[in-house]
Amino acid sequence: MTRALPRVLIAGTSSGCGKTTAVCAILSLLKRRGVAISAAKCGPDYIDPMFHETVLGVPSSNLDPYFCGGNLLRTTLARSTGGLTVIEGVMGYYDGTGPDGTENSTFEVARKTDTPVVLVVNGRGAYASLVAVIEGFLHFVPESGIRGVLFSNVTPMTYAGLKKLVEARFGETVAVLGYLPRLPDDCGLGSRHLGLVTPAEIADLNDKLSKIADLSEKTVDLDALMTLAGSAAPLSCDPPAAKRLPPVRIALAKDAAFCFVYPDTLRLLRDMGAEIVPFSPLLNEPVPPSADGLLLPGGYPELHAEALERNEIFLDSVRRAVSAGLPTIAECGGFQVLGERLAGHRMCGVLPHTSDDTGKLVRFGYCTLTAKTDGLLGKAGTTLPAHEFHYYDSTDCGADFTAVKPNGKRWDCVVQTETLWAGYPHLYLPACPDAAEAFYRKCLAYKEDPR
């Protein structure tokens, strides 16, 4: 299929350069104009898409080249519901993995989706040197894809001079799209990654976003940015067809404690025929008795461990369901809750581990999992792309898979049986459709012969 899709990717010179603020400003300004929009985030991050959807009210998805080849990246974009898609980069534009450091980077997403790029450049403490920074990004690779630049942390006078310098140096090859003024302290967004998006926080964040939009309305050239987005080439892809199977009901733990689930994973299961049935552990809701399968995703159960300990209806229902053979995928936080204790609080006790805070990131980043034994998601030798991001660790993380990072580091992980897959790695099921089908067929078998 080929679809016209106006789109632009907002990249940065580095983390902390202002690209998240730029994306928030742009999305807020487009909403004010009544433009139909959607968003996406480069990489495996759950938080920013949640932020786009929950706080900004914009449908969002993940674009991760470690999980997805070019066709699947373009397919995910082509399914965007908005009329203009704003993609938020991750880290610096070229930062990734592999021999040259650019694999799985924002640059790779831009290249594989043929999306025009706007580079956000932090102007604090520099002037003409910023032009050298831009030139370096433009020429680091033969075709950078950078078509525009947006400055952050500059004054109106500094911006006026920078605009002239950039236009004199690069002519029409780089559009100068304005600047983000230096924001007052009460407009900072940095702390949101450390906690949950609660109703109180949404009110506070909406006030901040409104101020950011007010300040940016006269400094960001939204018309030029929309023109750039409209210049994107038509998007061509061959959407993979999901195998249609008889219907099943898959329970999904979903609330502030269990919120790390990829929408595209749920889309795939629905396309195969599943009904996704959410329930809230924090409200002490049990696993729905009619469920044929169970998803216990990651999130922040450690922040709610005391409350979860009191929710015996939830804990007992999970204990009974998993013990009875209900096909279950439990990732990261979900895996922790299956253990004996989390942060000192009693959990389900299905698995014999305890989990506690290490004070640092543990086994952070991408990895490839290889199954040692047959089990829920496939036979021995099955490989699954995954990633880990957690500060807590457990006394027994399983040993039914071998994980290997791109740099060669390896370790054992994951508990897998015929009906359970549980461990710290996060999975993106559209990247491993055979594993998704194996899980689905186990749900079908349970539906036909529950224990």
Foldseek 3Di string as FASTA:
>chain_A
DWFQAQEEEEFEQFPPQCSVLVVLLLLVVCVVVVFFEAEEEQDQDQPVQCCCCVQVVHHYAYQWCLLDPLQVSLVVVVPGPGRYYYYYFDTHQQADDDDVRRPRGVQVSCVSFVHAYEYEGEPPPDALVSLVVVVCQCVVDPHRSHQEYEYEADDPVRLVRRQVSNCVVPPNSYHYFFYQYDDDPLLDDPPPVVFFCDPVNSVSNNVSSVVSNVRCVVGGNSVVSSVSSSVGDIRDHDDDQAAADEEFEEEEADDQQQPSDGPLLVVSNVSNHYDYHYDYLLVLDAGPPRHLAYERHGHHVLVVLVSSLPSVSHLQRVLVCVVQQRQYEAAARRLQQCEQEECRGGHNHVDDKHKYFPPDWDQFFKKKKAFCAAFQQGGGGDIFIWGATDRMDMPDFAFRIWIADSVGDIDGGWDGHNRYTHGHTDGDCVSPVSSVVSNVVSSVVCSVPGD
